[in-house]
Amino acid sequence: MYKRIRELREDADLTQKQVSEILFCSQQVYSNYELGQRDIPTSVLIALAKYYHTSTDYILGLVDEK
């Protein structure tokens, strides 16, 4: 899951800072999500899926189709 949120961010040409602003959190908190050092809250998972126009199942690694 952590690799996927990084890939989605990079594919959208966004920095961690830009995504953290979208999610209303600090860059450090978002960095911890990508590194797997902090669990991603459900609300953040849903916000990421909506922003990237994908499913939570894709982010979680349950399906391979975006």
C-alpha atoms as a PDB file:
ATOM      1  CA  MET A   1       0.000   0.000   0.000  1.00  0.00           C
ATOM      2  CA  TYR A   2       2.799   2.419   0.876  1.00  0.00           C
ATOM      3  CA  LYS A   3       4.552   1.857  -2.433  1.00  0.00           C
ATOM      4  CA  ARG A   4       1.301   2.491  -4.275  1.00  0.00           C
ATOM      5  CA  ILE A   5       0.619   5.870  -2.683  1.00  0.00           C
ATOM      6  CA  ARG A   6       4.144   6.925  -3.580  1.00  0.00           C
ATOM      7  CA  GLU A   7       3.712   5.734  -7.176  1.00  0.00           C
ATOM      8  CA  LEU A   8       0.371   7.539  -7.474  1.00  0.00           C
ATOM      9  CA  ARG A   9       1.962  10.740  -6.175  1.00  0.00           C
ATOM     10  CA  GLU A  10       4.945  10.485  -8.509  1.00  0.00           C
ATOM     11  CA  ASP A  11       2.737   9.653 -11.504  1.00  0.00           C
ATOM     12  CA  ALA A  12       0.796  12.853 -10.783  1.00  0.00           C
ATOM     13  CA  ASP A  13       4.086  14.827 -10.575  1.00  0.00           C
ATOM     14  CA  LEU A  14       3.332  15.944  -7.036  1.00  0.00           C
ATOM     15  CA  THR A  15       5.674  16.480  -4.114  1.00  0.00           C
ATOM     16  CA  GLN A  16       5.012  15.115  -0.655  1.00  0.00           C
ATOM     17  CA  LYS A  17       4.413  18.705   0.465  1.00  0.00           C
ATOM     18  CA  GLN A  18       1.708  19.208  -2.163  1.00  0.00           C
ATOM     19  CA  VAL A  19      -0.100  16.005  -1.175  1.00  0.00           C
ATOM     20  CA  SER A  20       0.196  16.852   2.512  1.00  0.00           C
ATOM     21  CA  GLU A  21      -1.513  20.184   1.819  1.00  0.00           C
ATOM     22  CA  ILE A  22      -4.335  18.386  -0.016  1.00  0.00           C
ATOM     23  CA  LEU A  23      -4.738  16.081   2.988  1.00  0.00           C
ATOM     24  CA  PHE A  24      -4.392  18.896   5.561  1.00  0.00           C
ATOM     25  CA  CYS A  25      -1.465  17.262   7.323  1.00  0.00           C
ATOM     26  CA  SER A  26       2.241  17.990   7.631  1.00  0.00           C
ATOM     27  CA  GLN A  27       4.776  16.828   5.081  1.00  0.00           C
ATOM     28  CA  GLN A  28       6.401  14.694   7.779  1.00  0.00           C
ATOM     29  CA  VAL A  29       3.133  12.886   8.550  1.00  0.00           C
ATOM     30  CA  TYR A  30       2.584  12.185   4.861  1.00  0.00           C
ATOM     31  CA  SER A  31       6.184  11.017   4.484  1.00  0.00           C
ATOM     32  CA  ASN A  32       5.575   8.580   7.338  1.00  0.00           C
ATOM     33  CA  TYR A  33       2.550   7.209   5.458  1.00  0.00           C
ATOM     34  CA  GLU A  34       4.687   6.544   2.366  1.00  0.00           C
ATOM     35  CA  LEU A  35       7.437   4.928   4.432  1.00  0.00           C
ATOM     36  CA  GLY A  36       4.982   2.707   6.290  1.00  0.00           C
ATOM     37  CA  GLN A  37       6.025   4.233   9.608  1.00  0.00           C
ATOM     38  CA  ARG A  38       2.506   5.416  10.336  1.00  0.00           C
ATOM     39  CA  ASP A  39      -0.828   3.735   9.631  1.00  0.00           C
ATOM     40  CA  ILE A  40      -2.975   5.533   7.104  1.00  0.00           C
ATOM     41  CA  PRO A  41      -6.321   6.517   8.641  1.00  0.00           C
ATOM     42  CA  THR A  42      -9.403   5.407   6.732  1.00  0.00           C
ATOM     43  CA  SER A  43     -10.397   9.007   6.036  1.00  0.00           C
ATOM     44  CA  VAL A  44      -6.985   9.707   4.466  1.00  0.00           C
ATOM     45  CA  LEU A  45      -7.160   6.505   2.417  1.00  0.00           C
ATOM     46  CA  ILE A  46     -10.550   7.558   1.052  1.00  0.00           C
ATOM     47  CA  ALA A  47      -9.299  11.085   0.325  1.00  0.00           C
ATOM     48  CA  LEU A  48      -6.311   9.700  -1.604  1.00  0.00           C
ATOM     49  CA  ALA A  49      -8.524   7.366  -3.634  1.00  0.00           C
ATOM     50  CA  LYS A  50     -10.869  10.219  -4.531  1.00  0.00           C
ATOM     51  CA  TYR A  51      -8.028  12.576  -5.402  1.00  0.00           C
ATOM     52  CA  TYR A  52      -6.282  10.063  -7.659  1.00  0.00           C
ATOM     53  CA  HIS A  53      -9.568   8.732  -9.109  1.00  0.00           C
ATOM     54  CA  THR A  54      -8.831   5.188  -8.062  1.00  0.00           C
ATOM     55  CA  SER A  55     -10.246   2.711  -5.568  1.00  0.00           C
ATOM     56  CA  THR A  56      -9.214   2.092  -2.008  1.00  0.00           C
ATOM     57  CA  ASP A  57      -8.846  -1.557  -3.040  1.00  0.00           C
ATOM     58  CA  TYR A  58      -6.129  -0.530  -5.521  1.00  0.00           C
ATOM     59  CA  ILE A  59      -4.265   1.485  -2.900  1.00  0.00           C
ATOM     60  CA  LEU A  60      -4.531  -1.385  -0.437  1.00  0.00           C
ATOM     61  CA  GLY A  61      -3.150  -3.824  -3.017  1.00  0.00           C
ATOM     62  CA  LEU A  62      -6.309  -5.930  -3.230  1.00  0.00           C
ATOM     63  CA  VAL A  63      -6.659  -5.333  -6.971  1.00  0.00           C
ATOM     64  CA  ASP A  64      -4.115  -4.407  -9.638  1.00  0.00           C
ATOM     65  CA  GLU A  65      -6.403  -2.341 -11.843  1.00  0.00           C
ATOM     66  CA  LYS A  66      -6.437   1.370 -11.088  1.00  0.00           C
END
